[in-house]
Amino acid sequence: MADPQVARLHAAAKRGNVTQLDALLRAGVDPNALIQPGGDTALCEACRAGHPACVELLLAAGADHSLRGRDARNALHLAALNRSARHAECVAALLRTGADPHASAPYPYMDVLNTAASCASLEAVRLICEAMHTWVSKLRVEQCCVSLQPPCAGCW
């Protein structure tokens, strides 16, 4: 049986209840706690539902954006799965805090960029491309998002 506080944390993240989420985090509820083994984190719930204020709050409280949820996707994948402006804000928040724009899911062609592109999430695609180019510049590795049509400005 799940810890009731953890269940409340997840529900608050999923519903976008910033006040309740903040109170639970201040009370010491672990932002990375799972309701059940192999389940989603509260950050995954907030990203899937498109609640950027909850995403920011969870990240500030130490939520780990690299943890994978029940479908083996991390928070960045889940935020990129929808083309709303709120979801793009979630993508931006995750990338600002160091989420890996090259993260892949255990499915063919389901890296974060392809996830966003397949959902026609153009703002998420732009943000992810910019982050990829920043990472590539840091690593001094040549990489390009030529799979996009048209490619982002950093590619051509």
N, C-alpha and C. Protein backbone atom coordinates (compact mmCIF):
# COMPACT_ATOMS: atom_id res chain seq x y z
N MET A 1 0.85 -1.19 0.00
CA MET A 1 0.00 0.00 0.00
C MET A 1 0.89 1.25 0.00
N ALA A 2 0.52 2.21 -0.80
CA ALA A 2 1.30 3.43 -0.95
C ALA A 2 1.20 4.32 0.28
N ASP A 3 2.28 5.00 0.55
CA ASP A 3 2.30 6.01 1.61
C ASP A 3 1.28 7.09 1.23
N PRO A 4 0.36 7.44 2.13
CA PRO A 4 -0.67 8.44 1.79
C PRO A 4 -0.09 9.80 1.40
N GLN A 5 1.02 10.18 2.02
CA GLN A 5 1.64 11.47 1.68
C GLN A 5 2.19 11.45 0.25
N VAL A 6 2.79 10.32 -0.12
CA VAL A 6 3.32 10.18 -1.48
C VAL A 6 2.17 10.19 -2.48
N ALA A 7 1.09 9.52 -2.15
CA ALA A 7 -0.08 9.52 -3.03
C ALA A 7 -0.63 10.93 -3.21
N ARG A 8 -0.65 11.71 -2.13
CA ARG A 8 -1.11 13.11 -2.22
C ARG A 8 -0.16 13.95 -3.08
N LEU A 9 1.14 13.69 -2.94
CA LEU A 9 2.14 14.41 -3.75
C LEU A 9 1.89 14.15 -5.23
N HIS A 10 1.70 12.91 -5.58
CA HIS A 10 1.45 12.55 -6.98
C HIS A 10 0.14 13.16 -7.49
N ALA A 11 -0.88 13.11 -6.67
CA ALA A 11 -2.17 13.68 -7.06
C ALA A 11 -2.06 15.18 -7.27
N ALA A 12 -1.35 15.85 -6.39
CA ALA A 12 -1.17 17.31 -6.51
C ALA A 12 -0.40 17.64 -7.79
N ALA A 13 0.64 16.88 -8.10
CA ALA A 13 1.42 17.11 -9.32
C ALA A 13 0.56 16.88 -10.56
N LYS A 14 -0.23 15.84 -10.53
CA LYS A 14 -1.08 15.49 -11.67
C LYS A 14 -2.18 16.53 -11.90
N ARG A 15 -2.74 17.07 -10.81
CA ARG A 15 -3.82 18.06 -10.91
C ARG A 15 -3.31 19.50 -11.06
N GLY A 16 -2.02 19.71 -10.82
CA GLY A 16 -1.48 21.06 -10.92
C GLY A 16 -1.73 21.89 -9.68
N ASN A 17 -1.89 21.24 -8.54
CA ASN A 17 -2.16 21.94 -7.28
C ASN A 17 -0.83 22.34 -6.63
N VAL A 18 -0.33 23.50 -7.01
CA VAL A 18 0.97 23.98 -6.55
C VAL A 18 0.99 24.19 -5.04
N THR A 19 -0.09 24.70 -4.47
CA THR A 19 -0.14 24.96 -3.03
C THR A 19 0.02 23.66 -2.24
N GLN A 20 -0.74 22.64 -2.60
CA GLN A 20 -0.63 21.37 -1.90
C GLN A 20 0.72 20.71 -2.14
N LEU A 21 1.21 20.78 -3.36
CA LEU A 21 2.51 20.21 -3.70
C LEU A 21 3.61 20.86 -2.86
N ASP A 22 3.58 22.18 -2.77
CA ASP A 22 4.57 22.91 -1.98
C ASP A 22 4.51 22.50 -0.50
N ALA A 23 3.31 22.39 0.04
CA ALA A 23 3.15 22.01 1.44
C ALA A 23 3.71 20.61 1.70
N LEU A 24 3.45 19.69 0.79
CA LEU A 24 3.95 18.32 0.96
C LEU A 24 5.47 18.26 0.85
N LEU A 25 6.03 19.00 -0.08
CA LEU A 25 7.48 19.03 -0.21
C LEU A 25 8.14 19.67 1.01
N ARG A 26 7.53 20.74 1.52
CA ARG A 26 8.05 21.38 2.75
C ARG A 26 7.94 20.47 3.96
N ALA A 27 6.96 19.57 3.94
CA ALA A 27 6.78 18.61 5.03
C ALA A 27 7.77 17.45 4.93
N GLY A 28 8.56 17.44 3.86
CA GLY A 28 9.60 16.44 3.74
C GLY A 28 9.30 15.23 2.87
N VAL A 29 8.20 15.28 2.13
CA VAL A 29 7.89 14.16 1.24
C VAL A 29 8.95 14.15 0.11
N ASP A 30 9.51 12.99 -0.14
CA ASP A 30 10.55 12.83 -1.16
C ASP A 30 9.98 13.08 -2.55
N PRO A 31 10.52 14.05 -3.29
CA PRO A 31 9.97 14.33 -4.63
C PRO A 31 10.16 13.18 -5.62
N ASN A 32 11.04 12.24 -5.30
CA ASN A 32 11.29 11.10 -6.19
C ASN A 32 10.58 9.83 -5.76
N ALA A 33 9.77 9.92 -4.71
CA ALA A 33 9.08 8.73 -4.20
C ALA A 33 8.05 8.22 -5.21
N LEU A 34 7.94 6.92 -5.27
CA LEU A 34 6.99 6.27 -6.16
C LEU A 34 5.79 5.76 -5.37
N ILE A 35 4.62 5.81 -5.97
CA ILE A 35 3.44 5.25 -5.34
C ILE A 35 3.55 3.73 -5.31
N GLN A 36 4.10 3.19 -6.39
CA GLN A 36 4.30 1.74 -6.49
C GLN A 36 5.59 1.50 -7.25
N PRO A 37 6.26 0.37 -7.00
CA PRO A 37 7.48 0.06 -7.75
C PRO A 37 7.21 0.05 -9.25
N GLY A 38 8.10 0.69 -9.99
CA GLY A 38 7.93 0.75 -11.44
C GLY A 38 6.93 1.78 -11.91
N GLY A 39 6.40 2.58 -10.99
CA GLY A 39 5.42 3.61 -11.35
C GLY A 39 6.09 4.91 -11.74
N ASP A 40 5.28 5.92 -11.94
CA ASP A 40 5.77 7.24 -12.30
C ASP A 40 6.21 8.02 -11.07
N THR A 41 7.10 8.96 -11.29
CA THR A 41 7.44 9.92 -10.25
C THR A 41 6.42 11.06 -10.32
N ALA A 42 6.39 11.89 -9.30
CA ALA A 42 5.51 13.06 -9.31
C ALA A 42 5.90 13.99 -10.46
N LEU A 43 7.20 14.07 -10.76
CA LEU A 43 7.67 14.89 -11.88
C LEU A 43 7.11 14.37 -13.20
N CYS A 44 7.12 13.06 -13.38
CA CYS A 44 6.53 12.47 -14.58
C CYS A 44 5.04 12.81 -14.68
N GLU A 45 4.34 12.73 -13.55
CA GLU A 45 2.90 13.07 -13.52
C GLU A 45 2.69 14.52 -13.95
N ALA A 46 3.48 15.44 -13.40
CA ALA A 46 3.33 16.86 -13.72
C ALA A 46 3.65 17.13 -15.19
N CYS A 47 4.66 16.45 -15.73
CA CYS A 47 5.03 16.63 -17.14
C CYS A 47 3.97 16.06 -18.07
N ARG A 48 3.47 14.89 -17.75
CA ARG A 48 2.43 14.27 -18.58
C ARG A 48 1.18 15.17 -18.62
N ALA A 49 0.84 15.78 -17.48
CA ALA A 49 -0.36 16.62 -17.39
C ALA A 49 -0.11 18.06 -17.86
N GLY A 50 1.16 18.44 -18.03
CA GLY A 50 1.47 19.79 -18.51
C GLY A 50 1.30 20.87 -17.46
N HIS A 51 1.92 20.69 -16.31
CA HIS A 51 1.85 21.67 -15.23
C HIS A 51 3.24 22.23 -14.94
N PRO A 52 3.65 23.27 -15.70
CA PRO A 52 5.02 23.79 -15.57
C PRO A 52 5.35 24.32 -14.17
N ALA A 53 4.40 24.92 -13.47
CA ALA A 53 4.70 25.42 -12.12
C ALA A 53 5.03 24.27 -11.18
N CYS A 54 4.32 23.16 -11.34
CA CYS A 54 4.61 21.96 -10.53
C CYS A 54 5.97 21.38 -10.90
N VAL A 55 6.28 21.37 -12.19
CA VAL A 55 7.58 20.88 -12.64
C VAL A 55 8.70 21.70 -12.01
N GLU A 56 8.57 23.01 -12.07
CA GLU A 56 9.59 23.91 -11.48
C GLU A 56 9.74 23.64 -9.98
N LEU A 57 8.64 23.50 -9.29
CA LEU A 57 8.66 23.28 -7.85
C LEU A 57 9.32 21.93 -7.51
N LEU A 58 8.96 20.91 -8.23
CA LEU A 58 9.56 19.58 -7.99
C LEU A 58 11.05 19.58 -8.29
N LEU A 59 11.45 20.22 -9.37
CA LEU A 59 12.87 20.30 -9.70
C LEU A 59 13.65 21.06 -8.63
N ALA A 60 13.07 22.15 -8.15
CA ALA A 60 13.72 22.93 -7.08
C ALA A 60 13.84 22.12 -5.80
N ALA A 61 12.94 21.17 -5.59
CA ALA A 61 12.96 20.33 -4.39
C ALA A 61 13.86 19.10 -4.55
N GLY A 62 14.49 18.97 -5.72
CA GLY A 62 15.43 17.88 -5.93
C GLY A 62 14.91 16.70 -6.73
N ALA A 63 13.81 16.88 -7.44
CA ALA A 63 13.30 15.79 -8.27
C ALA A 63 14.33 15.46 -9.35
N ASP A 64 14.52 14.19 -9.60
CA ASP A 64 15.49 13.70 -10.58
C ASP A 64 14.80 13.53 -11.93
N HIS A 65 15.17 14.39 -12.89
CA HIS A 65 14.52 14.35 -14.21
C HIS A 65 14.93 13.15 -15.04
N SER A 66 15.92 12.40 -14.61
CA SER A 66 16.36 11.25 -15.41
C SER A 66 15.62 9.95 -15.06
N LEU A 67 14.87 9.95 -13.96
CA LEU A 67 14.15 8.73 -13.57
C LEU A 67 13.06 8.42 -14.59
N ARG A 68 12.90 7.16 -14.89
CA ARG A 68 11.92 6.72 -15.87
C ARG A 68 10.66 6.23 -15.18
N GLY A 69 9.53 6.46 -15.83
CA GLY A 69 8.24 6.09 -15.27
C GLY A 69 7.77 4.73 -15.74
N ARG A 70 6.49 4.51 -15.57
CA ARG A 70 5.91 3.19 -15.83
C ARG A 70 6.03 2.73 -17.28
N ASP A 71 6.14 3.65 -18.20
CA ASP A 71 6.26 3.26 -19.61
C ASP A 71 7.70 3.46 -20.12
N ALA A 72 8.64 3.51 -19.19
CA ALA A 72 10.08 3.61 -19.48
C ALA A 72 10.48 4.94 -20.11
N ARG A 73 9.63 5.93 -20.00
CA ARG A 73 9.97 7.27 -20.49
C ARG A 73 10.30 8.15 -19.29
N ASN A 74 11.20 9.10 -19.50
CA ASN A 74 11.50 10.04 -18.42
C ASN A 74 10.61 11.28 -18.56
N ALA A 75 10.78 12.21 -17.65
CA ALA A 75 9.92 13.41 -17.62
C ALA A 75 9.99 14.21 -18.92
N LEU A 76 11.19 14.31 -19.51
CA LEU A 76 11.33 15.07 -20.76
C LEU A 76 10.54 14.43 -21.89
N HIS A 77 10.58 13.11 -21.98
CA HIS A 77 9.75 12.42 -22.99
C HIS A 77 8.27 12.74 -22.79
N LEU A 78 7.84 12.66 -21.55
CA LEU A 78 6.42 12.86 -21.27
C LEU A 78 5.97 14.29 -21.56
N ALA A 79 6.82 15.25 -21.27
CA ALA A 79 6.49 16.65 -21.58
C ALA A 79 6.44 16.88 -23.09
N ALA A 80 7.29 16.17 -23.83
CA ALA A 80 7.36 16.34 -25.28
C ALA A 80 6.24 15.63 -26.03
N LEU A 81 5.47 14.82 -25.31
CA LEU A 81 4.40 14.04 -25.95
C LEU A 81 3.14 14.84 -26.29
N ASN A 82 3.13 16.12 -25.97
CA ASN A 82 1.93 16.92 -26.19
C ASN A 82 2.36 18.25 -26.77
N ARG A 83 1.56 18.83 -27.62
CA ARG A 83 1.98 20.07 -28.27
C ARG A 83 1.43 21.34 -27.66
N SER A 84 0.91 21.27 -26.44
CA SER A 84 0.40 22.50 -25.82
C SER A 84 1.54 23.39 -25.35
N ALA A 85 1.25 24.67 -25.20
CA ALA A 85 2.24 25.62 -24.71
C ALA A 85 2.69 25.25 -23.29
N ARG A 86 1.78 24.73 -22.49
CA ARG A 86 2.14 24.33 -21.11
C ARG A 86 3.16 23.20 -21.12
N HIS A 87 2.99 22.25 -22.03
CA HIS A 87 3.94 21.14 -22.13
C HIS A 87 5.30 21.65 -22.60
N ALA A 88 5.30 22.59 -23.54
CA ALA A 88 6.57 23.18 -23.99
C ALA A 88 7.27 23.91 -22.84
N GLU A 89 6.50 24.54 -21.95
CA GLU A 89 7.10 25.17 -20.77
C GLU A 89 7.73 24.12 -19.86
N CYS A 90 7.11 22.97 -19.76
CA CYS A 90 7.68 21.86 -18.98
C CYS A 90 9.00 21.40 -19.61
N VAL A 91 9.02 21.27 -20.93
CA VAL A 91 10.24 20.90 -21.65
C VAL A 91 11.33 21.92 -21.34
N ALA A 92 11.01 23.19 -21.43
CA ALA A 92 11.99 24.25 -21.18
C ALA A 92 12.54 24.17 -19.75
N ALA A 93 11.66 23.96 -18.78
CA ALA A 93 12.11 23.87 -17.38
C ALA A 93 13.05 22.69 -17.18
N LEU A 94 12.73 21.56 -17.77
CA LEU A 94 13.58 20.38 -17.64
C LEU A 94 14.94 20.60 -18.29
N LEU A 95 14.95 21.19 -19.47
CA LEU A 95 16.21 21.44 -20.16
C LEU A 95 17.07 22.46 -19.41
N ARG A 96 16.43 23.46 -18.81
CA ARG A 96 17.19 24.45 -18.02
C ARG A 96 17.90 23.82 -16.84
N THR A 97 17.34 22.74 -16.32
CA THR A 97 17.93 22.10 -15.14
C THR A 97 18.81 20.90 -15.51
N GLY A 98 19.12 20.77 -16.79
CA GLY A 98 20.09 19.76 -17.19
C GLY A 98 19.56 18.46 -17.72
N ALA A 99 18.28 18.38 -18.02
CA ALA A 99 17.74 17.15 -18.61
C ALA A 99 18.46 16.88 -19.93
N ASP A 100 18.74 15.63 -20.20
CA ASP A 100 19.51 15.23 -21.37
C ASP A 100 18.63 15.25 -22.63
N PRO A 101 18.91 16.18 -23.57
CA PRO A 101 18.10 16.24 -24.79
C PRO A 101 18.33 15.05 -25.71
N HIS A 102 19.34 14.25 -25.42
CA HIS A 102 19.63 13.06 -26.23
C HIS A 102 19.03 11.79 -25.63
N ALA A 103 18.27 11.93 -24.55
CA ALA A 103 17.72 10.76 -23.86
C ALA A 103 16.85 9.94 -24.81
N SER A 104 16.99 8.64 -24.70
CA SER A 104 16.17 7.77 -25.54
C SER A 104 15.30 6.88 -24.67
N ALA A 105 14.24 6.41 -25.26
CA ALA A 105 13.36 5.44 -24.61
C ALA A 105 13.70 4.08 -25.21
N PRO A 106 13.28 3.01 -24.58
CA PRO A 106 13.64 1.69 -25.09
C PRO A 106 12.80 1.27 -26.31
N TYR A 107 12.40 2.22 -27.10
CA TYR A 107 11.64 1.93 -28.32
C TYR A 107 12.43 2.49 -29.49
N PRO A 108 12.38 1.86 -30.65
CA PRO A 108 13.10 2.39 -31.81
C PRO A 108 12.64 3.82 -32.15
N TYR A 109 13.57 4.67 -32.42
CA TYR A 109 13.32 6.05 -32.87
C TYR A 109 12.50 6.86 -31.86
N MET A 110 12.62 6.55 -30.59
CA MET A 110 11.85 7.32 -29.61
C MET A 110 12.76 8.13 -28.70
N ASP A 111 13.77 8.76 -29.30
CA ASP A 111 14.53 9.71 -28.51
C ASP A 111 13.62 10.93 -28.29
N VAL A 112 14.07 11.85 -27.49
CA VAL A 112 13.22 12.98 -27.12
C VAL A 112 12.84 13.82 -28.34
N LEU A 113 13.79 14.05 -29.23
CA LEU A 113 13.51 14.86 -30.42
C LEU A 113 12.45 14.20 -31.30
N ASN A 114 12.59 12.91 -31.56
CA ASN A 114 11.59 12.22 -32.38
C ASN A 114 10.24 12.15 -31.69
N THR A 115 10.25 12.04 -30.37
CA THR A 115 8.99 12.05 -29.63
C THR A 115 8.25 13.36 -29.87
N ALA A 116 8.96 14.47 -29.71
CA ALA A 116 8.34 15.79 -29.92
C ALA A 116 7.90 15.97 -31.37
N ALA A 117 8.75 15.56 -32.31
CA ALA A 117 8.43 15.73 -33.73
C ALA A 117 7.22 14.88 -34.12
N SER A 118 7.14 13.67 -33.60
CA SER A 118 6.02 12.80 -33.96
C SER A 118 4.69 13.31 -33.40
N CYS A 119 4.76 14.13 -32.37
CA CYS A 119 3.54 14.70 -31.79
C CYS A 119 3.27 16.11 -32.31
N ALA A 120 4.07 16.54 -33.29
CA ALA A 120 3.94 17.89 -33.86
C ALA A 120 4.08 18.97 -32.80
N SER A 121 4.91 18.72 -31.83
CA SER A 121 5.16 19.69 -30.77
C SER A 121 6.31 20.60 -31.21
N LEU A 122 6.00 21.57 -32.06
CA LEU A 122 7.03 22.37 -32.71
C LEU A 122 7.87 23.19 -31.72
N GLU A 123 7.24 23.75 -30.70
CA GLU A 123 8.02 24.51 -29.72
C GLU A 123 8.94 23.58 -28.94
N ALA A 124 8.47 22.40 -28.59
CA ALA A 124 9.32 21.43 -27.91
C ALA A 124 10.47 21.01 -28.82
N VAL A 125 10.21 20.80 -30.11
CA VAL A 125 11.26 20.45 -31.06
C VAL A 125 12.31 21.56 -31.09
N ARG A 126 11.88 22.81 -31.16
CA ARG A 126 12.82 23.93 -31.20
C ARG A 126 13.68 23.95 -29.93
N LEU A 127 13.05 23.81 -28.78
CA LEU A 127 13.78 23.83 -27.51
C LEU A 127 14.78 22.68 -27.42
N ILE A 128 14.36 21.51 -27.85
CA ILE A 128 15.24 20.34 -27.78
C ILE A 128 16.40 20.49 -28.75
N CYS A 129 16.14 21.00 -29.96
CA CYS A 129 17.23 21.24 -30.93
C CYS A 129 18.25 22.21 -30.36
N GLU A 130 17.77 23.30 -29.78
CA GLU A 130 18.69 24.28 -29.20
C GLU A 130 19.53 23.63 -28.10
N ALA A 131 18.89 22.82 -27.26
CA ALA A 131 19.62 22.16 -26.18
C ALA A 131 20.62 21.15 -26.74
N MET A 132 20.24 20.45 -27.81
CA MET A 132 21.16 19.49 -28.43
C MET A 132 22.38 20.20 -28.97
N HIS A 133 22.18 21.34 -29.59
CA HIS A 133 23.31 22.08 -30.15
C HIS A 133 24.20 22.62 -29.03
N THR A 134 23.61 23.00 -27.92
CA THR A 134 24.40 23.44 -26.77
C THR A 134 25.24 22.29 -26.25
N TRP A 135 24.63 21.12 -26.09
CA TRP A 135 25.36 19.94 -25.63
C TRP A 135 26.46 19.58 -26.62
N VAL A 136 26.13 19.62 -27.91
CA VAL A 136 27.11 19.26 -28.93
C VAL A 136 28.28 20.22 -28.90
N SER A 137 28.00 21.50 -28.74
CA SER A 137 29.08 22.49 -28.66
C SER A 137 29.98 22.20 -27.47
N LYS A 138 29.38 21.84 -26.36
CA LYS A 138 30.17 21.53 -25.17
C LYS A 138 31.03 20.29 -25.38
N LEU A 139 30.48 19.30 -26.05
CA LEU A 139 31.19 18.04 -26.25
C LEU A 139 32.09 18.06 -27.48
N ARG A 140 31.93 19.11 -28.30
CA ARG A 140 32.67 19.24 -29.54
C ARG A 140 32.49 18.00 -30.44
N VAL A 141 31.26 17.59 -30.53
CA VAL A 141 30.90 16.45 -31.37
C VAL A 141 29.95 16.97 -32.44
N GLU A 142 30.15 16.54 -33.67
CA GLU A 142 29.28 17.00 -34.74
C GLU A 142 27.99 16.19 -34.74
N GLN A 143 26.89 16.89 -34.59
CA GLN A 143 25.59 16.24 -34.60
C GLN A 143 24.59 17.22 -35.19
N CYS A 144 23.58 16.70 -35.80
CA CYS A 144 22.63 17.56 -36.47
C CYS A 144 21.23 16.98 -36.39
N CYS A 145 20.25 17.85 -36.43
CA CYS A 145 18.86 17.39 -36.38
C CYS A 145 18.26 17.43 -37.79
N VAL A 146 18.99 16.89 -38.77
CA VAL A 146 18.52 16.92 -40.15
C VAL A 146 17.23 16.14 -40.37
N SER A 147 16.82 15.35 -39.38
CA SER A 147 15.56 14.63 -39.54
C SER A 147 14.37 15.58 -39.53
N LEU A 148 14.59 16.80 -39.06
CA LEU A 148 13.50 17.78 -39.04
C LEU A 148 13.37 18.43 -40.41
N GLN A 149 12.18 18.69 -40.81
CA GLN A 149 11.95 19.36 -42.07
C GLN A 149 11.11 20.60 -41.82
N PRO A 150 11.61 21.79 -41.93
CA PRO A 150 13.02 22.08 -42.24
C PRO A 150 13.89 21.93 -40.98
N PRO A 151 15.18 21.73 -41.16
CA PRO A 151 16.09 21.62 -40.01
C PRO A 151 16.13 22.93 -39.23
N CYS A 152 16.52 22.84 -37.98
CA CYS A 152 16.61 24.06 -37.19
C CYS A 152 17.75 24.93 -37.69
N ALA A 153 17.74 26.21 -37.32
CA ALA A 153 18.74 27.16 -37.80
C ALA A 153 20.16 26.78 -37.42
N GLY A 154 20.33 26.07 -36.30
CA GLY A 154 21.66 25.67 -35.88
C GLY A 154 22.29 24.62 -36.79
N CYS A 155 21.45 23.91 -37.56
CA CYS A 155 21.96 22.84 -38.44
C CYS A 155 22.42 23.36 -39.77
N TRP A 156 21.73 24.37 -40.30
CA TRP A 156 22.07 24.83 -41.66
C TRP A 156 22.30 26.30 -41.70
